[in-house]
All heavy atoms as atom14 arrays in JSON, in Angstrom:
{
  "sequence": "SSHILTELSEICDGALFIERGRLLKAGLMDELLREGRKHRTVIVRT",
  "atom14_mask": [
    [1, 1, 1, 1, 1, 1, 0, 0, 0, 0, 0, 0, 0, 0],
    [1, 1, 1, 1, 1, 1, 0, 0, 0, 0, 0, 0, 0, 0],
    [1, 1, 1, 1, 1, 1, 1, 1, 1, 1, 0, 0, 0, 0],
    [1, 1, 1, 1, 1, 1, 1, 1, 0, 0, 0, 0, 0, 0],
    [1, 1, 1, 1, 1, 1, 1, 1, 0, 0, 0, 0, 0, 0],
    [1, 1, 1, 1, 1, 1, 1, 0, 0, 0, 0, 0, 0, 0],
    [1, 1, 1, 1, 1, 1, 1, 1, 1, 0, 0, 0, 0, 0],
    [1, 1, 1, 1, 1, 1, 1, 1, 0, 0, 0, 0, 0, 0],
    [1, 1, 1, 1, 1, 1, 0, 0, 0, 0, 0, 0, 0, 0],
    [1, 1, 1, 1, 1, 1, 1, 1, 1, 0, 0, 0, 0, 0],
    [1, 1, 1, 1, 1, 1, 1, 1, 0, 0, 0, 0, 0, 0],
    [1, 1, 1, 1, 1, 1, 0, 0, 0, 0, 0, 0, 0, 0],
    [1, 1, 1, 1, 1, 1, 1, 1, 0, 0, 0, 0, 0, 0],
    [1, 1, 1, 1, 0, 0, 0, 0, 0, 0, 0, 0, 0, 0],
    [1, 1, 1, 1, 1, 0, 0, 0, 0, 0, 0, 0, 0, 0],
    [1, 1, 1, 1, 1, 1, 1, 1, 0, 0, 0, 0, 0, 0],
    [1, 1, 1, 1, 1, 1, 1, 1, 1, 1, 1, 0, 0, 0],
    [1, 1, 1, 1, 1, 1, 1, 1, 0, 0, 0, 0, 0, 0],
    [1, 1, 1, 1, 1, 1, 1, 1, 1, 0, 0, 0, 0, 0],
    [1, 1, 1, 1, 1, 1, 1, 1, 1, 1, 1, 0, 0, 0],
    [1, 1, 1, 1, 0, 0, 0, 0, 0, 0, 0, 0, 0, 0],
    [1, 1, 1, 1, 1, 1, 1, 1, 1, 1, 1, 0, 0, 0],
    [1, 1, 1, 1, 1, 1, 1, 1, 0, 0, 0, 0, 0, 0],
    [1, 1, 1, 1, 1, 1, 1, 1, 0, 0, 0, 0, 0, 0],
    [1, 1, 1, 1, 1, 1, 1, 1, 1, 0, 0, 0, 0, 0],
    [1, 1, 1, 1, 1, 0, 0, 0, 0, 0, 0, 0, 0, 0],
    [1, 1, 1, 1, 0, 0, 0, 0, 0, 0, 0, 0, 0, 0],
    [1, 1, 1, 1, 1, 1, 1, 1, 0, 0, 0, 0, 0, 0],
    [1, 1, 1, 1, 1, 1, 1, 1, 0, 0, 0, 0, 0, 0],
    [1, 1, 1, 1, 1, 1, 1, 1, 0, 0, 0, 0, 0, 0],
    [1, 1, 1, 1, 1, 1, 1, 1, 1, 0, 0, 0, 0, 0],
    [1, 1, 1, 1, 1, 1, 1, 1, 0, 0, 0, 0, 0, 0],
    [1, 1, 1, 1, 1, 1, 1, 1, 0, 0, 0, 0, 0, 0],
    [1, 1, 1, 1, 1, 1, 1, 1, 1, 1, 1, 0, 0, 0],
    [1, 1, 1, 1, 1, 1, 1, 1, 1, 0, 0, 0, 0, 0],
    [1, 1, 1, 1, 0, 0, 0, 0, 0, 0, 0, 0, 0, 0],
    [1, 1, 1, 1, 1, 1, 1, 1, 1, 1, 1, 0, 0, 0],
    [1, 1, 1, 1, 1, 1, 1, 1, 1, 0, 0, 0, 0, 0],
    [1, 1, 1, 1, 1, 1, 1, 1, 1, 1, 0, 0, 0, 0],
    [1, 1, 1, 1, 1, 1, 1, 1, 1, 1, 1, 0, 0, 0],
    [1, 1, 1, 1, 1, 1, 1, 0, 0, 0, 0, 0, 0, 0],
    [1, 1, 1, 1, 1, 1, 1, 0, 0, 0, 0, 0, 0, 0],
    [1, 1, 1, 1, 1, 1, 1, 1, 0, 0, 0, 0, 0, 0],
    [1, 1, 1, 1, 1, 1, 1, 0, 0, 0, 0, 0, 0, 0],
    [1, 1, 1, 1, 1, 1, 1, 1, 1, 1, 1, 0, 0, 0],
    [1, 1, 1, 1, 1, 1, 1, 0, 0, 0, 0, 0, 0, 0]
  ],
  "atom14_positions": [
    [[6.49, 7.56, 9.63], [5.32, 6.74, 9.95], [4.03, 7.62, 9.98], [4.11, 8.82, 10.28], [5.44, 6.12, 11.41], [5.34, 7.11, 12.38], [0.0, 0.0, 0.0], [0.0, 0.0, 0.0], [0.0, 0.0, 0.0], [0.0, 0.0, 0.0], [0.0, 0.0, 0.0], [0.0, 0.0, 0.0], [0.0, 0.0, 0.0], [0.0, 0.0, 0.0]],
    [[2.86, 6.99, 9.55], [1.7, 7.79, 9.46], [0.54, 6.93, 9.32], [0.62, 5.8, 8.75], [1.7, 8.75, 8.24], [0.56, 9.57, 8.16], [0.0, 0.0, 0.0], [0.0, 0.0, 0.0], [0.0, 0.0, 0.0], [0.0, 0.0, 0.0], [0.0, 0.0, 0.0], [0.0, 0.0, 0.0], [0.0, 0.0, 0.0], [0.0, 0.0, 0.0]],
    [[-0.68, 7.35, 9.8], [-1.88, 6.58, 9.53], [-2.68, 7.15, 8.32], [-3.71, 6.67, 8.0], [-2.78, 6.65, 10.85], [-2.23, 5.77, 11.98], [-1.86, 6.37, 13.17], [-1.99, 4.47, 12.04], [-1.43, 5.38, 13.97], [-1.45, 4.26, 13.32], [0.0, 0.0, 0.0], [0.0, 0.0, 0.0], [0.0, 0.0, 0.0], [0.0, 0.0, 0.0]],
    [[-2.13, 8.34, 7.82], [-2.76, 8.98, 6.62], [-2.15, 8.31, 5.4], [-1.26, 8.89, 4.83], [-2.64, 10.43, 6.73], [-3.05, 10.98, 8.09], [-3.46, 11.15, 5.66], [-2.79, 12.49, 8.25], [0.0, 0.0, 0.0], [0.0, 0.0, 0.0], [0.0, 0.0, 0.0], [0.0, 0.0, 0.0], [0.0, 0.0, 0.0], [0.0, 0.0, 0.0]],
    [[-2.67, 7.15, 5.01], [-2.11, 6.35, 3.91], [-2.21, 7.04, 2.57], [-1.29, 6.88, 1.7], [-2.69, 4.98, 3.92], [-2.52, 4.23, 5.32], [-2.94, 2.73, 5.04], [-1.14, 4.25, 5.73], [0.0, 0.0, 0.0], [0.0, 0.0, 0.0], [0.0, 0.0, 0.0], [0.0, 0.0, 0.0], [0.0, 0.0, 0.0], [0.0, 0.0, 0.0]],
    [[-3.31, 7.78, 2.39], [-3.39, 8.48, 0.99], [-2.25, 9.42, 0.83], [-1.8, 9.61, -0.34], [-4.78, 9.15, 0.9], [-4.99, 9.99, 2.06], [-5.88, 8.09, 0.83], [0.0, 0.0, 0.0], [0.0, 0.0, 0.0], [0.0, 0.0, 0.0], [0.0, 0.0, 0.0], [0.0, 0.0, 0.0], [0.0, 0.0, 0.0], [0.0, 0.0, 0.0]],
    [[-1.88, 10.09, 1.82], [-0.85, 11.15, 1.76], [0.53, 10.42, 1.56], [1.37, 10.9, 0.79], [-0.8, 12.01, 2.95], [-2.1, 12.91, 3.02], [-1.9, 14.03, 3.97], [-0.96, 14.05, 4.8], [-2.79, 14.96, 4.01], [0.0, 0.0, 0.0], [0.0, 0.0, 0.0], [0.0, 0.0, 0.0], [0.0, 0.0, 0.0], [0.0, 0.0, 0.0]],
    [[0.77, 9.34, 2.2], [2.0, 8.59, 2.01], [2.11, 8.14, 0.55], [3.26, 8.15, 0.02], [2.11, 7.39, 2.94], [2.29, 7.58, 4.42], [2.43, 6.28, 5.22], [3.54, 8.43, 4.72], [0.0, 0.0, 0.0], [0.0, 0.0, 0.0], [0.0, 0.0, 0.0], [0.0, 0.0, 0.0], [0.0, 0.0, 0.0], [0.0, 0.0, 0.0]],
    [[0.99, 7.72, 0.01], [1.0, 7.3, -1.41], [1.56, 8.39, -2.36], [2.19, 8.05, -3.38], [-0.35, 6.83, -1.92], [-0.85, 5.73, -1.15], [0.0, 0.0, 0.0], [0.0, 0.0, 0.0], [0.0, 0.0, 0.0], [0.0, 0.0, 0.0], [0.0, 0.0, 0.0], [0.0, 0.0, 0.0], [0.0, 0.0, 0.0], [0.0, 0.0, 0.0]],
    [[1.27, 9.71, -1.97], [1.65, 10.74, -2.92], [3.13, 11.13, -2.78], [3.71, 11.66, -3.7], [0.83, 11.94, -2.54], [-0.67, 11.73, -2.78], [-1.5, 13.03, -2.45], [-0.91, 14.06, -2.15], [-2.77, 12.88, -2.43], [0.0, 0.0, 0.0], [0.0, 0.0, 0.0], [0.0, 0.0, 0.0], [0.0, 0.0, 0.0], [0.0, 0.0, 0.0]],
    [[3.79, 10.78, -1.65], [5.15, 11.34, -1.44], [6.22, 10.22, -1.32], [7.44, 10.46, -1.54], [5.29, 12.25, -0.25], [4.91, 11.47, 1.06], [4.4, 13.41, -0.41], [5.19, 12.24, 2.33], [0.0, 0.0, 0.0], [0.0, 0.0, 0.0], [0.0, 0.0, 0.0], [0.0, 0.0, 0.0], [0.0, 0.0, 0.0], [0.0, 0.0, 0.0]],
    [[5.77, 8.91, -1.05], [6.74, 7.87, -0.74], [7.24, 7.14, -1.93], [6.5, 6.9, -2.9], [6.1, 6.99, 0.27], [5.96, 7.6, 1.92], [0.0, 0.0, 0.0], [0.0, 0.0, 0.0], [0.0, 0.0, 0.0], [0.0, 0.0, 0.0], [0.0, 0.0, 0.0], [0.0, 0.0, 0.0], [0.0, 0.0, 0.0], [0.0, 0.0, 0.0]],
    [[8.51, 6.79, -1.88], [9.11, 6.01, -2.93], [8.99, 4.5, -2.56], [8.98, 3.64, -3.47], [10.69, 6.31, -3.04], [10.97, 7.69, -3.35], [10.63, 8.1, -4.52], [11.41, 8.37, -2.43], [0.0, 0.0, 0.0], [0.0, 0.0, 0.0], [0.0, 0.0, 0.0], [0.0, 0.0, 0.0], [0.0, 0.0, 0.0], [0.0, 0.0, 0.0]],
    [[8.72, 4.22, -1.3], [8.53, 2.84, -0.83], [7.77, 2.8, 0.43], [7.51, 3.85, 1.0], [0.0, 0.0, 0.0], [0.0, 0.0, 0.0], [0.0, 0.0, 0.0], [0.0, 0.0, 0.0], [0.0, 0.0, 0.0], [0.0, 0.0, 0.0], [0.0, 0.0, 0.0], [0.0, 0.0, 0.0], [0.0, 0.0, 0.0], [0.0, 0.0, 0.0]],
    [[7.4, 1.63, 0.85], [6.65, 1.46, 2.08], [6.97, 0.18, 2.82], [7.5, -0.81, 2.16], [5.07, 1.53, 1.79], [0.0, 0.0, 0.0], [0.0, 0.0, 0.0], [0.0, 0.0, 0.0], [0.0, 0.0, 0.0], [0.0, 0.0, 0.0], [0.0, 0.0, 0.0], [0.0, 0.0, 0.0], [0.0, 0.0, 0.0], [0.0, 0.0, 0.0]],
    [[6.8, 0.17, 4.08], [7.06, -1.02, 4.99], [5.77, -1.17, 5.79], [5.3, -0.22, 6.46], [8.25, -0.8, 5.91], [9.54, -0.15, 5.33], [10.25, 0.72, 6.26], [10.32, -1.23, 4.7], [0.0, 0.0, 0.0], [0.0, 0.0, 0.0], [0.0, 0.0, 0.0], [0.0, 0.0, 0.0], [0.0, 0.0, 0.0], [0.0, 0.0, 0.0]],
    [[5.3, -2.48, 5.87], [4.17, -2.79, 6.66], [4.54, -3.68, 7.82], [5.09, -4.73, 7.65], [3.08, -3.47, 5.8], [2.47, -2.59, 4.69], [3.21, -2.49, 3.44], [1.27, -1.89, 4.81], [2.75, -1.67, 2.47], [0.84, -1.09, 3.82], [1.54, -0.98, 2.68], [0.0, 0.0, 0.0], [0.0, 0.0, 0.0], [0.0, 0.0, 0.0]],
    [[4.08, -3.24, 9.02], [4.52, -3.95, 10.23], [3.22, -4.21, 11.04], [2.32, -3.36, 11.13], [5.59, -3.16, 11.0], [6.04, -3.98, 12.15], [5.06, -1.81, 11.5], [7.3, -3.26, 12.93], [0.0, 0.0, 0.0], [0.0, 0.0, 0.0], [0.0, 0.0, 0.0], [0.0, 0.0, 0.0], [0.0, 0.0, 0.0], [0.0, 0.0, 0.0]],
    [[3.23, -5.35, 11.77], [2.1, -5.67, 12.69], [2.72, -6.63, 13.69], [3.41, -7.6, 13.42], [1.03, -6.26, 11.98], [-0.22, -6.47, 12.86], [-1.53, -6.95, 12.14], [-1.34, -7.79, 11.22], [-2.58, -6.44, 12.39], [0.0, 0.0, 0.0], [0.0, 0.0, 0.0], [0.0, 0.0, 0.0], [0.0, 0.0, 0.0], [0.0, 0.0, 0.0]],
    [[2.36, -6.34, 14.98], [2.84, -7.21, 16.08], [4.35, -7.41, 16.04], [4.85, -8.56, 16.35], [2.15, -8.48, 16.13], [0.61, -8.35, 16.26], [-0.01, -9.69, 16.68], [0.33, -10.14, 17.93], [-0.01, -11.31, 18.58], [-0.74, -12.21, 17.84], [0.36, -11.58, 19.79], [0.0, 0.0, 0.0], [0.0, 0.0, 0.0], [0.0, 0.0, 0.0]],
    [[5.06, -6.36, 15.64], [6.52, -6.42, 15.7], [7.12, -7.05, 14.49], [8.33, -7.13, 14.47], [0.0, 0.0, 0.0], [0.0, 0.0, 0.0], [0.0, 0.0, 0.0], [0.0, 0.0, 0.0], [0.0, 0.0, 0.0], [0.0, 0.0, 0.0], [0.0, 0.0, 0.0], [0.0, 0.0, 0.0], [0.0, 0.0, 0.0], [0.0, 0.0, 0.0]],
    [[6.35, -7.64, 13.62], [6.92, -8.38, 12.47], [6.67, -7.55, 11.15], [5.61, -6.91, 10.95], [6.28, -9.73, 12.25], [6.7, -10.76, 13.24], [6.21, -12.13, 12.92], [6.78, -13.16, 13.75], [7.99, -13.68, 13.6], [8.76, -13.32, 12.61], [8.45, -14.67, 14.45], [0.0, 0.0, 0.0], [0.0, 0.0, 0.0], [0.0, 0.0, 0.0]],
    [[7.69, -7.5, 10.34], [7.56, -6.86, 9.01], [6.83, -7.8, 8.1], [7.24, -8.91, 7.77], [8.98, -6.52, 8.5], [9.05, -5.57, 7.31], [8.51, -4.17, 7.64], [10.47, -5.47, 6.78], [0.0, 0.0, 0.0], [0.0, 0.0, 0.0], [0.0, 0.0, 0.0], [0.0, 0.0, 0.0], [0.0, 0.0, 0.0], [0.0, 0.0, 0.0]],
    [[5.67, -7.32, 7.59], [4.8, -8.18, 6.76], [5.16, -8.07, 5.26], [5.04, -8.94, 4.53], [3.38, -7.87, 7.09], [2.89, -7.99, 8.38], [1.4, -7.53, 8.54], [3.09, -9.37, 9.02], [0.0, 0.0, 0.0], [0.0, 0.0, 0.0], [0.0, 0.0, 0.0], [0.0, 0.0, 0.0], [0.0, 0.0, 0.0], [0.0, 0.0, 0.0]],
    [[5.47, -6.79, 4.81], [5.68, -6.55, 3.49], [6.48, -5.29, 3.32], [6.3, -4.32, 4.12], [4.29, -6.37, 2.77], [4.31, -6.41, 1.24], [2.85, -6.36, 0.71], [2.77, -6.62, -0.78], [3.01, -8.11, -1.09], [0.0, 0.0, 0.0], [0.0, 0.0, 0.0], [0.0, 0.0, 0.0], [0.0, 0.0, 0.0], [0.0, 0.0, 0.0]],
    [[7.34, -5.23, 2.33], [8.17, -4.04, 2.1], [8.57, -3.99, 0.59], [8.64, -5.03, -0.04], [9.48, -4.11, 2.95], [0.0, 0.0, 0.0], [0.0, 0.0, 0.0], [0.0, 0.0, 0.0], [0.0, 0.0, 0.0], [0.0, 0.0, 0.0], [0.0, 0.0, 0.0], [0.0, 0.0, 0.0], [0.0, 0.0, 0.0], [0.0, 0.0, 0.0]],
    [[8.74, -2.79, 0.07], [9.17, -2.69, -1.25], [9.01, -1.32, -1.77], [8.49, -0.38, -1.1], [0.0, 0.0, 0.0], [0.0, 0.0, 0.0], [0.0, 0.0, 0.0], [0.0, 0.0, 0.0], [0.0, 0.0, 0.0], [0.0, 0.0, 0.0], [0.0, 0.0, 0.0], [0.0, 0.0, 0.0], [0.0, 0.0, 0.0], [0.0, 0.0, 0.0]],
    [[9.46, -1.08, -3.01], [9.29, 0.19, -3.7], [7.67, 0.37, -4.03], [6.97, -0.61, -4.25], [9.99, 0.25, -5.0], [11.56, 0.28, -4.78], [12.24, 0.25, -6.14], [11.98, 1.61, -4.11], [0.0, 0.0, 0.0], [0.0, 0.0, 0.0], [0.0, 0.0, 0.0], [0.0, 0.0, 0.0], [0.0, 0.0, 0.0], [0.0, 0.0, 0.0]],
    [[7.23, 1.56, -4.03], [5.87, 1.85, -4.2], [5.22, 1.28, -5.51], [4.19, 0.6, -5.5], [5.59, 3.38, -4.24], [4.17, 3.74, -3.99], [3.53, 3.23, -2.37], [4.49, 4.32, -1.32], [0.0, 0.0, 0.0], [0.0, 0.0, 0.0], [0.0, 0.0, 0.0], [0.0, 0.0, 0.0], [0.0, 0.0, 0.0], [0.0, 0.0, 0.0]],
    [[5.99, 1.44, -6.6], [5.48, 0.87, -7.88], [5.36, -0.67, -7.8], [4.31, -1.16, -8.3], [6.49, 1.17, -9.01], [6.4, 2.68, -9.4], [5.5, 3.3, -8.97], [7.33, 3.1, -10.07], [0.0, 0.0, 0.0], [0.0, 0.0, 0.0], [0.0, 0.0, 0.0], [0.0, 0.0, 0.0], [0.0, 0.0, 0.0], [0.0, 0.0, 0.0]],
    [[6.3, -1.33, -7.15], [6.18, -2.78, -7.03], [4.95, -3.15, -6.15], [4.23, -4.09, -6.48], [7.47, -3.34, -6.38], [8.7, -3.16, -7.28], [9.9, -3.51, -6.56], [9.9, -3.81, -5.35], [11.06, -3.56, -7.22], [0.0, 0.0, 0.0], [0.0, 0.0, 0.0], [0.0, 0.0, 0.0], [0.0, 0.0, 0.0], [0.0, 0.0, 0.0]],
    [[4.75, -2.45, -5.01], [3.71, -2.77, -4.11], [2.35, -2.59, -4.81], [1.42, -3.31, -4.63], [3.81, -1.85, -2.86], [4.93, -2.15, -1.89], [5.06, -1.0, -0.86], [4.92, -3.52, -1.28], [0.0, 0.0, 0.0], [0.0, 0.0, 0.0], [0.0, 0.0, 0.0], [0.0, 0.0, 0.0], [0.0, 0.0, 0.0], [0.0, 0.0, 0.0]],
    [[2.26, -1.5, -5.51], [0.95, -1.16, -6.17], [0.69, -2.15, -7.39], [-0.48, -2.51, -7.54], [0.94, 0.23, -6.69], [0.95, 1.39, -5.61], [0.94, 2.73, -6.27], [-0.19, 1.22, -4.56], [0.0, 0.0, 0.0], [0.0, 0.0, 0.0], [0.0, 0.0, 0.0], [0.0, 0.0, 0.0], [0.0, 0.0, 0.0], [0.0, 0.0, 0.0]],
    [[1.69, -2.55, -7.98], [1.59, -3.59, -9.06], [1.1, -4.87, -8.47], [0.19, -5.54, -9.07], [2.82, -3.63, -9.84], [2.77, -4.57, -11.13], [3.88, -4.41, -12.06], [5.22, -4.62, -11.38], [6.11, -3.68, -11.08], [5.82, -2.44, -11.47], [7.25, -3.95, -10.57], [0.0, 0.0, 0.0], [0.0, 0.0, 0.0], [0.0, 0.0, 0.0]],
    [[1.69, -5.27, -7.34], [1.19, -6.55, -6.71], [-0.22, -6.39, -6.21], [-0.98, -7.34, -6.27], [2.13, -6.84, -5.54], [3.59, -7.29, -5.96], [4.41, -7.52, -4.81], [3.95, -7.44, -3.6], [5.68, -7.74, -5.02], [0.0, 0.0, 0.0], [0.0, 0.0, 0.0], [0.0, 0.0, 0.0], [0.0, 0.0, 0.0], [0.0, 0.0, 0.0]],
    [[-0.47, -5.13, -5.7], [-1.81, -4.93, -5.17], [-2.94, -5.07, -6.18], [-4.17, -5.18, -5.93], [0.0, 0.0, 0.0], [0.0, 0.0, 0.0], [0.0, 0.0, 0.0], [0.0, 0.0, 0.0], [0.0, 0.0, 0.0], [0.0, 0.0, 0.0], [0.0, 0.0, 0.0], [0.0, 0.0, 0.0], [0.0, 0.0, 0.0], [0.0, 0.0, 0.0]],
    [[-2.54, -4.88, -7.55], [-3.56, -5.03, -8.57], [-4.08, -6.43, -8.65], [-5.09, -6.66, -9.43], [-2.91, -4.61, -9.95], [-2.71, -3.02, -10.02], [-1.96, -2.75, -11.36], [-2.71, -3.25, -12.56], [-3.6, -2.54, -13.16], [-3.95, -1.28, -12.76], [-4.17, -3.02, -14.21], [0.0, 0.0, 0.0], [0.0, 0.0, 0.0], [0.0, 0.0, 0.0]],
    [[-3.52, -7.38, -8.06], [-4.0, -8.79, -8.09], [-5.42, -8.89, -7.4], [-6.16, -9.82, -7.55], [-3.06, -9.74, -7.49], [-1.72, -9.84, -8.26], [-0.68, -10.81, -7.57], [0.52, -10.87, -8.34], [1.57, -11.68, -7.67], [0.0, 0.0, 0.0], [0.0, 0.0, 0.0], [0.0, 0.0, 0.0], [0.0, 0.0, 0.0], [0.0, 0.0, 0.0]],
    [[-5.65, -7.96, -6.52], [-6.93, -7.89, -5.8], [-7.5, -6.52, -6.07], [-7.19, -5.61, -5.42], [-6.75, -8.15, -4.36], [-6.25, -9.47, -4.02], [-4.91, -9.8, -4.03], [-6.82, -10.72, -3.73], [-4.64, -11.1, -3.72], [-5.84, -11.68, -3.51], [0.0, 0.0, 0.0], [0.0, 0.0, 0.0], [0.0, 0.0, 0.0], [0.0, 0.0, 0.0]],
    [[-8.47, -6.35, -6.93], [-9.02, -5.13, -7.41], [-10.42, -4.99, -6.86], [-11.21, -5.92, -6.73], [-9.07, -5.04, -8.95], [-7.71, -5.22, -9.65], [-6.78, -3.91, -9.36], [-7.4, -2.83, -9.86], [-7.41, -2.4, -11.18], [-6.77, -3.13, -12.01], [-7.95, -1.27, -11.57], [0.0, 0.0, 0.0], [0.0, 0.0, 0.0], [0.0, 0.0, 0.0]],
    [[-10.68, -3.76, -6.52], [-12.01, -3.35, -5.98], [-12.71, -2.44, -7.09], [-12.15, -1.63, -7.72], [-11.92, -2.54, -4.71], [-11.38, -3.32, -3.72], [-13.41, -2.1, -4.35], [0.0, 0.0, 0.0], [0.0, 0.0, 0.0], [0.0, 0.0, 0.0], [0.0, 0.0, 0.0], [0.0, 0.0, 0.0], [0.0, 0.0, 0.0], [0.0, 0.0, 0.0]],
    [[-13.97, -2.9, -7.46], [-14.73, -2.13, -8.49], [-15.94, -1.57, -7.75], [-16.68, -2.17, -7.04], [-15.2, -3.15, -9.56], [-15.91, -2.42, -10.71], [-13.98, -3.9, -10.13], [0.0, 0.0, 0.0], [0.0, 0.0, 0.0], [0.0, 0.0, 0.0], [0.0, 0.0, 0.0], [0.0, 0.0, 0.0], [0.0, 0.0, 0.0], [0.0, 0.0, 0.0]],
    [[-16.16, -0.24, -8.09], [-17.34, 0.51, -7.62], [-18.43, 0.44, -8.66], [-18.21, 0.79, -9.83], [-16.98, 1.92, -7.32], [-15.71, 2.11, -6.61], [-18.12, 2.64, -6.72], [-15.78, 1.4, -5.17], [0.0, 0.0, 0.0], [0.0, 0.0, 0.0], [0.0, 0.0, 0.0], [0.0, 0.0, 0.0], [0.0, 0.0, 0.0], [0.0, 0.0, 0.0]],
    [[-19.6, -0.18, -8.26], [-20.65, -0.3, -9.26], [-21.86, 0.38, -8.74], [-22.42, 0.12, -7.61], [-21.06, -1.83, -9.47], [-22.05, -1.99, -10.52], [-19.73, -2.67, -9.86], [0.0, 0.0, 0.0], [0.0, 0.0, 0.0], [0.0, 0.0, 0.0], [0.0, 0.0, 0.0], [0.0, 0.0, 0.0], [0.0, 0.0, 0.0], [0.0, 0.0, 0.0]],
    [[-22.36, 1.3, -9.52], [-23.64, 2.01, -9.21], [-24.76, 1.54, -10.17], [-24.58, 1.56, -11.38], [-23.5, 3.52, -9.29], [-22.48, 4.11, -8.3], [-22.41, 5.58, -8.3], [-23.7, 6.16, -7.81], [-24.04, 7.38, -8.08], [-23.43, 8.15, -8.92], [-25.25, 7.8, -7.62], [0.0, 0.0, 0.0], [0.0, 0.0, 0.0], [0.0, 0.0, 0.0]],
    [[-25.81, 1.11, -9.58], [-26.91, 0.51, -10.49], [-28.2, 1.22, -10.34], [-28.5, 1.96, -9.26], [-27.11, -1.03, -9.97], [-28.16, -1.58, -10.77], [-27.41, -1.04, -8.52], [0.0, 0.0, 0.0], [0.0, 0.0, 0.0], [0.0, 0.0, 0.0], [0.0, 0.0, 0.0], [0.0, 0.0, 0.0], [0.0, 0.0, 0.0], [0.0, 0.0, 0.0]]
  ]
}
């Protein structure tokens, strides 16, 4: 368990997300990141 999520991304094969005692999401890292691409953030400097 860790709050340093950037570091978990570098070493973990999978992740589990929990809140208020309930498991919200779980899976292998590649699958989670692929699903996360459905909501993309773009940095725009103008």
